[in-house]
Amino acid sequence: YRLDDSRHLPGNGLGLAIVSATALAHGGELVLEDGAPGLVARILLPLAPSNQ
């Protein structure tokens, strides 16, 4: 989501959707948190077994 005053920024707004889908495809998740200033995005992925 982009606020009206940020329309001058390039991009199509698909970045977080792509990151989220990629994380889910690997058994993980995307966690978004309110940070100061701005957004904090954490990608949580499961650890691979040590024998791989």
N, C-alpha and C. Protein backbone atom coordinates (compact mmCIF):
# COMPACT_ATOMS: atom_id res chain seq x y z
N TYR A 1 0.83 -1.17 0.00
CA TYR A 1 0.00 0.00 0.00
C TYR A 1 0.88 1.23 0.00
N ARG A 2 0.53 2.18 -0.83
CA ARG A 2 1.27 3.44 -0.88
C ARG A 2 0.32 4.60 -0.63
N LEU A 3 0.77 5.52 0.18
CA LEU A 3 -0.02 6.72 0.43
C LEU A 3 -0.04 7.58 -0.82
N ASP A 4 -1.05 8.43 -0.93
CA ASP A 4 -1.20 9.27 -2.11
C ASP A 4 0.03 10.13 -2.39
N ASP A 5 0.72 10.60 -1.35
CA ASP A 5 1.87 11.47 -1.58
C ASP A 5 3.12 10.72 -2.02
N SER A 6 3.05 9.41 -2.15
CA SER A 6 4.23 8.65 -2.57
C SER A 6 4.09 8.13 -4.00
N ARG A 7 3.16 8.63 -4.74
CA ARG A 7 2.95 8.14 -6.11
C ARG A 7 4.11 8.47 -7.03
N HIS A 8 4.95 9.39 -6.65
CA HIS A 8 6.09 9.74 -7.49
C HIS A 8 7.20 8.70 -7.43
N LEU A 9 7.09 7.74 -6.50
CA LEU A 9 8.10 6.70 -6.39
C LEU A 9 7.87 5.62 -7.44
N PRO A 10 8.94 5.12 -8.07
CA PRO A 10 8.76 4.07 -9.07
C PRO A 10 8.41 2.74 -8.42
N GLY A 11 7.84 1.87 -9.22
CA GLY A 11 7.52 0.52 -8.74
C GLY A 11 6.04 0.23 -8.92
N ASN A 12 5.70 -1.05 -8.79
CA ASN A 12 4.31 -1.45 -8.99
C ASN A 12 3.69 -2.02 -7.73
N GLY A 13 4.40 -2.00 -6.61
CA GLY A 13 3.82 -2.43 -5.34
C GLY A 13 3.77 -3.93 -5.15
N LEU A 14 4.50 -4.71 -5.92
CA LEU A 14 4.45 -6.17 -5.81
C LEU A 14 5.55 -6.74 -4.93
N GLY A 15 6.47 -5.93 -4.46
CA GLY A 15 7.63 -6.42 -3.73
C GLY A 15 7.30 -7.28 -2.53
N LEU A 16 6.45 -6.79 -1.62
CA LEU A 16 6.12 -7.55 -0.42
C LEU A 16 5.33 -8.81 -0.76
N ALA A 17 4.49 -8.75 -1.77
CA ALA A 17 3.73 -9.94 -2.17
C ALA A 17 4.67 -11.03 -2.70
N ILE A 18 5.68 -10.63 -3.45
CA ILE A 18 6.64 -11.60 -3.98
C ILE A 18 7.48 -12.18 -2.85
N VAL A 19 7.94 -11.33 -1.93
CA VAL A 19 8.74 -11.81 -0.80
C VAL A 19 7.92 -12.76 0.06
N SER A 20 6.67 -12.40 0.32
CA SER A 20 5.80 -13.25 1.14
C SER A 20 5.57 -14.61 0.48
N ALA A 21 5.28 -14.61 -0.82
CA ALA A 21 5.05 -15.87 -1.53
C ALA A 21 6.30 -16.74 -1.55
N THR A 22 7.47 -16.12 -1.70
CA THR A 22 8.72 -16.86 -1.70
C THR A 22 8.99 -17.48 -0.33
N ALA A 23 8.77 -16.70 0.73
CA ALA A 23 8.96 -17.22 2.08
C ALA A 23 8.02 -18.39 2.34
N LEU A 24 6.76 -18.25 1.96
CA LEU A 24 5.78 -19.33 2.16
C LEU A 24 6.16 -20.58 1.38
N ALA A 25 6.68 -20.40 0.17
CA ALA A 25 7.08 -21.54 -0.66
C ALA A 25 8.21 -22.34 -0.02
N HIS A 26 8.97 -21.68 0.86
CA HIS A 26 10.08 -22.34 1.55
C HIS A 26 9.73 -22.71 2.98
N GLY A 27 8.43 -22.69 3.30
CA GLY A 27 8.00 -23.07 4.64
C GLY A 27 8.18 -22.01 5.69
N GLY A 28 8.36 -20.78 5.27
CA GLY A 28 8.58 -19.68 6.20
C GLY A 28 7.43 -18.69 6.19
N GLU A 29 7.73 -17.50 6.68
CA GLU A 29 6.71 -16.46 6.70
C GLU A 29 7.37 -15.09 6.67
N LEU A 30 6.59 -14.10 6.28
CA LEU A 30 7.00 -12.71 6.28
C LEU A 30 6.28 -12.03 7.43
N VAL A 31 7.02 -11.39 8.31
CA VAL A 31 6.44 -10.69 9.45
C VAL A 31 6.74 -9.21 9.29
N LEU A 32 5.69 -8.38 9.34
CA LEU A 32 5.85 -6.94 9.22
C LEU A 32 5.58 -6.29 10.56
N GLU A 33 6.45 -5.36 10.95
CA GLU A 33 6.31 -4.68 12.23
C GLU A 33 6.48 -3.18 12.02
N ASP A 34 5.81 -2.41 12.86
CA ASP A 34 5.95 -0.97 12.83
C ASP A 34 7.29 -0.61 13.45
N GLY A 35 8.12 0.06 12.70
CA GLY A 35 9.42 0.48 13.20
C GLY A 35 9.52 1.99 13.20
N ALA A 36 10.52 2.51 13.83
CA ALA A 36 10.69 3.95 13.85
C ALA A 36 12.02 4.30 13.21
N PRO A 37 12.10 5.01 12.14
CA PRO A 37 10.96 5.40 11.31
C PRO A 37 10.76 4.38 10.19
N GLY A 38 9.56 3.96 9.96
CA GLY A 38 9.27 3.07 8.85
C GLY A 38 8.88 1.67 9.25
N LEU A 39 8.97 0.79 8.28
CA LEU A 39 8.53 -0.59 8.42
C LEU A 39 9.71 -1.52 8.64
N VAL A 40 9.52 -2.53 9.49
CA VAL A 40 10.52 -3.57 9.67
C VAL A 40 9.94 -4.85 9.08
N ALA A 41 10.64 -5.44 8.14
CA ALA A 41 10.20 -6.69 7.51
C ALA A 41 11.16 -7.79 7.91
N ARG A 42 10.63 -8.87 8.47
CA ARG A 42 11.45 -10.02 8.87
C ARG A 42 10.99 -11.24 8.06
N ILE A 43 11.95 -11.93 7.49
CA ILE A 43 11.67 -13.16 6.77
C ILE A 43 12.12 -14.30 7.66
N LEU A 44 11.18 -15.12 8.10
CA LEU A 44 11.48 -16.25 8.97
C LEU A 44 11.45 -17.53 8.14
N LEU A 45 12.57 -18.25 8.13
CA LEU A 45 12.69 -19.49 7.38
C LEU A 45 13.11 -20.61 8.33
N PRO A 46 12.60 -21.82 8.08
CA PRO A 46 13.01 -22.94 8.94
C PRO A 46 14.45 -23.34 8.64
N LEU A 47 15.12 -23.83 9.65
CA LEU A 47 16.48 -24.34 9.46
C LEU A 47 16.43 -25.69 8.75
N ALA A 48 17.37 -25.91 7.86
CA ALA A 48 17.45 -27.20 7.18
C ALA A 48 18.07 -28.21 8.15
N PRO A 49 17.70 -29.46 8.04
CA PRO A 49 18.34 -30.49 8.86
C PRO A 49 19.85 -30.49 8.63
N SER A 50 20.63 -30.79 9.65
CA SER A 50 22.08 -30.71 9.55
C SER A 50 22.68 -31.74 8.59
N ASN A 51 21.94 -32.77 8.21
CA ASN A 51 22.47 -33.79 7.30
C ASN A 51 22.30 -33.42 5.84
N GLN A 52 21.81 -32.25 5.54
CA GLN A 52 21.64 -31.83 4.14
C GLN A 52 22.69 -30.85 3.73
